[in-house]
Amino acid sequence: MTEAVGARLGRRYAVPSGWQVATLLERRAESASAETLVLDVPRWPGHQAGQHLDLRLTAPDGYTAERSYSLASGPTPSGSGGVEVTVQRVRDGEVSPYLVDDFPPGAAIEVRGPIGGWFVWDPARDAGTPVLLLAGGSGLVPVMSMARARRQAGDRTPFRLIYSVRTPEDRLYTDELDGLVARGDGFEASTIFTRAVSLTALRGPRRLTSSELASWGWPPELEPRVYVCGPTGFVEAVARMLVAQGHDPARIRTERFGPAGN
């Protein structure tokens, strides 16, 4: 894929309908295996927090590979650039290793989106109702977009985030999350590790328990909006615990990916 879209543009490659060519403006490391890509998308129509986009790579021989990635940036108005996605390298993956390790600033890629209208949070529409965010691994990306939307709007809707990740080294947006908590405007966050912890940790490595969810989340009688994103196993386990604790299934929105667990 190292000769993807950019190599074909000189041959007047026709971008399929619904797609457009974006350019990588910059990249920054989020962990040893994840990078945030900042894309200049000339005709970006704007997006809501929680939506995703499709990225498409096309090799010189015409072979294509397409993947969906959640938008990490807060809402952007129509026509603005600087659209962000955070990509986690997948072992033996076809697209993510190229995007994380080899995709250089200035290179082109095809983009389609934004996509999705269910797993979204809009401060203009949803402000005031408590929000519970549950993220497993890179499932943090779309809920981070919601946290950024809240900050951009100067909103003080109570947010509680429970973030499940394998090890301390795998955490995403560490400094930014700490900064959001430190603002003292109603954003709270709890992080658990499922595979390894630091020597000073008060909790051993294990999956989220029902008692921890009840303690760190919102009680069901407050009728919070709940967003759960992560690997399928994580999402299904958390959704079952939420319903068992009395949360209304109609207020639980889920988004899942891949077979791997956290």
Protein backbone atom coordinates (compact mmCIF):
# COMPACT_ATOMS: atom_id res chain seq x y z
CA MET A 1 0.00 0.00 0.00
CA THR A 2 2.99 2.35 0.10
CA GLU A 3 2.17 3.49 -3.46
CA ALA A 4 -1.49 4.05 -2.72
CA VAL A 5 -3.72 6.91 -3.82
CA GLY A 6 -1.01 9.48 -4.44
CA ALA A 7 0.78 7.27 -6.98
CA ARG A 8 -2.37 6.97 -9.05
CA LEU A 9 -3.46 10.61 -9.05
CA GLY A 10 -0.87 11.41 -11.69
CA ARG A 11 -2.58 8.87 -13.93
CA ARG A 12 -5.90 10.73 -13.61
CA TYR A 13 -7.41 8.04 -11.46
CA ALA A 14 -11.17 8.65 -11.15
CA VAL A 15 -12.25 8.90 -7.53
CA PRO A 16 -15.51 6.95 -7.08
CA SER A 17 -18.72 8.88 -6.47
CA GLY A 18 -19.18 9.86 -2.82
CA TRP A 19 -15.45 9.86 -2.19
CA GLN A 20 -12.95 12.71 -2.24
CA VAL A 21 -9.19 12.98 -1.97
CA ALA A 22 -7.79 14.19 1.37
CA THR A 23 -4.20 15.03 2.29
CA LEU A 24 -2.42 14.11 5.50
CA LEU A 25 -1.48 17.38 7.21
CA GLU A 26 0.23 15.95 10.26
CA ARG A 27 0.40 12.94 12.53
CA ARG A 28 1.07 12.49 16.22
CA ALA A 29 1.67 9.43 18.34
CA GLU A 30 -0.98 8.55 20.93
CA SER A 31 0.66 5.30 22.10
CA ALA A 32 3.24 2.84 20.83
CA SER A 33 0.63 1.37 18.50
CA ALA A 34 -1.72 4.25 17.71
CA GLU A 35 -1.42 7.47 15.71
CA THR A 36 -3.75 10.41 15.24
CA LEU A 37 -3.94 11.47 11.60
CA VAL A 38 -4.95 15.04 10.80
CA LEU A 39 -6.51 15.17 7.34
CA ASP A 40 -7.22 18.12 5.10
CA VAL A 41 -10.56 17.25 3.49
CA PRO A 42 -11.35 20.11 1.07
CA ARG A 43 -15.11 19.55 0.80
CA TRP A 44 -15.76 18.25 4.30
CA PRO A 45 -19.47 18.83 5.08
CA GLY A 46 -18.98 18.96 8.87
CA HIS A 47 -19.69 16.21 11.39
CA GLN A 48 -21.22 15.40 14.76
CA ALA A 49 -19.37 13.89 17.70
CA GLY A 50 -19.51 10.11 17.46
CA GLN A 51 -19.67 9.77 13.68
CA HIS A 52 -17.10 7.92 11.56
CA LEU A 53 -15.63 8.04 8.08
CA ASP A 54 -14.33 5.56 5.53
CA LEU A 55 -10.73 5.61 4.31
CA ARG A 56 -9.86 3.96 1.03
CA LEU A 57 -6.41 3.02 -0.30
CA THR A 58 -5.92 2.19 -3.96
CA ALA A 59 -2.76 0.48 -5.22
CA PRO A 60 -1.26 1.13 -8.66
CA ASP A 61 -2.72 -2.16 -9.96
CA GLY A 62 -6.22 -1.05 -8.96
CA TYR A 63 -6.52 -3.15 -5.81
CA THR A 64 -8.41 -1.30 -3.09
CA ALA A 65 -8.78 -1.65 0.65
CA GLU A 66 -11.38 0.26 2.65
CA ARG A 67 -11.78 0.64 6.41
CA SER A 68 -14.03 2.67 8.73
CA TYR A 69 -12.53 4.82 11.50
CA SER A 70 -14.24 6.88 14.16
CA LEU A 71 -13.71 10.62 14.04
CA ALA A 72 -11.61 11.82 16.95
CA SER A 73 -12.00 15.56 16.47
CA GLY A 74 -14.86 17.52 17.93
CA PRO A 75 -17.58 18.74 15.55
CA THR A 76 -16.26 20.73 12.61
CA PRO A 77 -18.32 23.09 10.44
CA SER A 78 -18.76 22.60 6.72
CA GLY A 79 -15.66 23.40 4.68
CA SER A 80 -13.19 23.26 7.55
CA GLY A 81 -10.08 21.09 7.39
CA GLY A 82 -8.14 19.39 10.14
CA VAL A 83 -10.39 16.32 10.44
CA GLU A 84 -8.82 13.83 12.88
CA VAL A 85 -8.94 10.05 13.16
CA THR A 86 -6.96 7.90 15.56
CA VAL A 87 -5.82 4.57 14.12
CA GLN A 88 -4.76 1.60 16.25
CA ARG A 89 -2.36 -0.82 14.57
CA VAL A 90 -4.00 -4.23 14.17
CA ARG A 91 -1.66 -7.21 14.16
CA ASP A 92 -1.62 -8.75 10.67
CA GLY A 93 -3.88 -5.94 9.47
CA GLU A 94 -3.89 -4.82 5.86
CA VAL A 95 -4.59 -1.10 6.29
CA SER A 96 -3.80 0.00 9.85
CA PRO A 97 -0.06 -0.91 9.80
CA TYR A 98 0.42 1.28 6.73
CA LEU A 99 -1.52 4.17 8.25
CA VAL A 100 0.26 3.93 11.61
CA ASP A 101 3.80 3.24 10.40
CA ASP A 102 4.24 4.44 6.82
CA PHE A 103 1.59 6.98 5.72
CA PRO A 104 3.62 10.23 5.32
CA PRO A 105 2.47 13.86 5.69
CA GLY A 106 1.57 15.25 2.29
CA ALA A 107 0.33 11.89 1.03
CA ALA A 108 -3.20 11.50 -0.33
CA ILE A 109 -5.98 9.15 0.63
CA GLU A 110 -9.62 8.79 -0.36
CA VAL A 111 -12.24 9.77 2.21
CA ARG A 112 -16.01 9.27 2.43
CA GLY A 113 -18.16 10.66 5.20
CA PRO A 114 -19.21 11.55 7.74
CA ILE A 115 -21.29 8.45 8.38
CA GLY A 116 -23.73 7.53 11.15
CA GLY A 117 -26.43 9.33 13.07
CA TRP A 118 -27.23 6.97 15.96
CA PHE A 119 -24.04 6.94 18.04
CA VAL A 120 -23.80 10.74 18.33
CA TRP A 121 -23.94 13.39 21.05
CA ASP A 122 -24.94 16.95 20.23
CA PRO A 123 -24.46 19.63 22.92
CA ALA A 124 -27.13 21.80 21.29
CA ARG A 125 -29.69 19.00 21.52
CA ASP A 126 -28.56 16.77 24.40
CA ALA A 127 -27.11 19.20 26.96
CA GLY A 128 -28.19 18.78 30.57
CA THR A 129 -28.87 15.04 30.63
CA PRO A 130 -26.02 13.15 32.36
CA VAL A 131 -23.83 11.15 30.01
CA LEU A 132 -22.08 7.85 30.75
CA LEU A 133 -19.28 6.90 28.36
CA LEU A 134 -17.84 3.37 28.39
CA ALA A 135 -14.87 2.69 26.13
CA GLY A 136 -12.81 -0.43 25.53
CA GLY A 137 -9.42 0.08 23.90
CA SER A 138 -9.64 2.23 20.78
CA GLY A 139 -13.37 2.49 21.42
CA LEU A 140 -12.29 5.61 23.28
CA VAL A 141 -11.98 7.50 19.98
CA PRO A 142 -15.66 8.38 19.28
CA VAL A 143 -16.43 9.12 22.93
CA MET A 144 -13.37 11.37 23.02
CA SER A 145 -14.98 13.27 20.16
CA MET A 146 -18.00 13.75 22.44
CA ALA A 147 -15.79 15.00 25.28
CA ARG A 148 -14.16 17.45 22.88
CA ALA A 149 -17.56 18.59 21.63
CA ARG A 150 -18.56 19.32 25.21
CA ARG A 151 -15.40 21.35 25.78
CA GLN A 152 -15.73 23.25 22.48
CA ALA A 153 -19.30 24.24 23.34
CA GLY A 154 -18.39 25.36 26.87
CA ASP A 155 -21.02 22.87 28.02
CA ARG A 156 -21.17 21.61 31.63
CA THR A 157 -23.35 18.54 31.11
CA PRO A 158 -22.16 15.95 33.68
CA PHE A 159 -19.97 13.37 31.90
CA ARG A 160 -18.59 10.18 33.42
CA LEU A 161 -16.11 8.08 31.45
CA ILE A 162 -15.09 4.51 32.26
CA TYR A 163 -12.12 3.51 30.11
CA SER A 164 -10.97 -0.12 29.91
CA VAL A 165 -7.55 -0.66 28.32
CA ARG A 166 -4.97 -3.45 28.37
CA THR A 167 -1.97 -1.70 29.93
CA PRO A 168 -0.93 1.82 31.01
CA GLU A 169 1.22 2.04 27.86
CA ASP A 170 -1.83 1.45 25.66
CA ARG A 171 -3.78 4.45 26.94
CA LEU A 172 -4.90 7.06 24.42
CA TYR A 173 -5.15 10.85 24.99
CA THR A 174 -3.69 10.50 28.47
CA ASP A 175 -2.68 14.13 29.04
CA GLU A 176 -5.83 15.51 27.46
CA LEU A 177 -8.10 13.33 29.58
CA ASP A 178 -6.23 14.38 32.71
CA GLY A 179 -6.71 17.98 31.66
CA LEU A 180 -10.45 17.54 31.13
CA VAL A 181 -10.81 16.11 34.62
CA ALA A 182 -8.68 18.87 36.12
CA ARG A 183 -10.99 21.56 34.69
CA GLY A 184 -13.51 20.73 37.41
CA ASP A 185 -16.54 21.34 35.21
CA GLY A 186 -18.31 18.02 35.67
CA PHE A 187 -16.14 15.69 33.60
CA GLU A 188 -15.02 12.58 35.53
CA ALA A 189 -12.96 9.63 34.34
CA SER A 190 -12.00 6.20 35.68
CA THR A 191 -9.46 3.95 33.96
CA ILE A 192 -9.04 0.22 34.47
CA PHE A 193 -6.36 -2.08 33.08
CA THR A 194 -7.12 -5.62 32.01
CA ARG A 195 -3.66 -7.12 31.33
CA ALA A 196 -1.01 -5.25 33.35
CA VAL A 197 -0.83 -2.38 35.85
CA SER A 198 1.83 -0.13 37.32
CA LEU A 199 3.55 -1.02 40.60
CA THR A 200 1.58 1.71 42.41
CA ALA A 201 -1.85 0.64 41.13
CA LEU A 202 -4.58 0.13 43.72
CA ARG A 203 -6.41 -2.35 41.50
CA GLY A 204 -5.05 -5.48 39.85
CA PRO A 205 -5.48 -6.21 36.15
CA ARG A 206 -8.97 -7.49 35.44
CA ARG A 207 -12.07 -6.69 33.44
CA LEU A 208 -14.69 -4.19 34.54
CA THR A 209 -16.97 -5.59 37.22
CA SER A 210 -20.63 -4.90 37.81
CA SER A 211 -19.89 -3.29 41.18
CA GLU A 212 -17.32 -0.95 39.60
CA LEU A 213 -19.79 0.02 36.90
CA ALA A 214 -22.43 0.77 39.53
CA SER A 215 -19.95 2.79 41.61
CA TRP A 216 -18.35 4.83 38.81
CA GLY A 217 -21.34 5.22 36.50
CA TRP A 218 -24.63 7.07 36.89
CA PRO A 219 -27.52 5.39 38.69
CA PRO A 220 -30.32 4.33 36.34
CA GLU A 221 -32.88 6.55 38.07
CA LEU A 222 -31.07 9.60 36.64
CA GLU A 223 -31.83 8.25 33.15
CA PRO A 224 -28.41 9.06 31.68
CA ARG A 225 -27.55 8.83 28.02
CA VAL A 226 -25.17 5.88 27.74
CA TYR A 227 -22.62 5.31 24.97
CA VAL A 228 -20.62 2.07 24.85
CA CYS A 229 -17.89 1.50 22.26
CA GLY A 230 -15.21 -1.15 21.94
CA PRO A 231 -14.61 -4.77 20.92
CA THR A 232 -17.71 -6.92 20.62
CA GLY A 233 -17.06 -8.86 23.84
CA PHE A 234 -16.60 -5.69 25.87
CA VAL A 235 -19.71 -4.04 24.46
CA GLU A 236 -21.94 -7.06 25.02
CA ALA A 237 -20.71 -7.60 28.58
CA VAL A 238 -21.17 -3.95 29.54
CA ALA A 239 -24.60 -3.74 27.92
CA ARG A 240 -25.76 -6.79 29.91
CA MET A 241 -24.51 -5.27 33.17
CA LEU A 242 -26.22 -1.94 32.44
CA VAL A 243 -29.58 -3.58 31.75
CA ALA A 244 -29.24 -5.79 34.83
CA GLN A 245 -28.65 -2.68 36.92
CA GLY A 246 -31.88 -1.13 35.65
CA HIS A 247 -30.77 1.13 32.81
CA ASP A 248 -33.34 1.55 30.06
CA PRO A 249 -32.08 -0.33 26.95
CA ALA A 250 -33.55 2.43 24.79
CA ARG A 251 -31.07 4.88 26.33
CA ILE A 252 -28.02 2.68 25.69
CA ARG A 253 -26.27 3.25 22.38
CA THR A 254 -23.55 0.86 21.31
CA GLU A 255 -20.88 0.64 18.65
CA ARG A 256 -18.60 -2.35 18.33
CA PHE A 257 -15.71 -3.61 16.25
CA GLY A 258 -13.64 -6.75 15.68
CA PRO A 259 -13.47 -10.02 17.60
CA ALA A 260 -10.70 -9.12 20.07
CA GLY A 261 -11.45 -8.39 23.73
CA ASN A 262 -10.01 -5.96 26.30
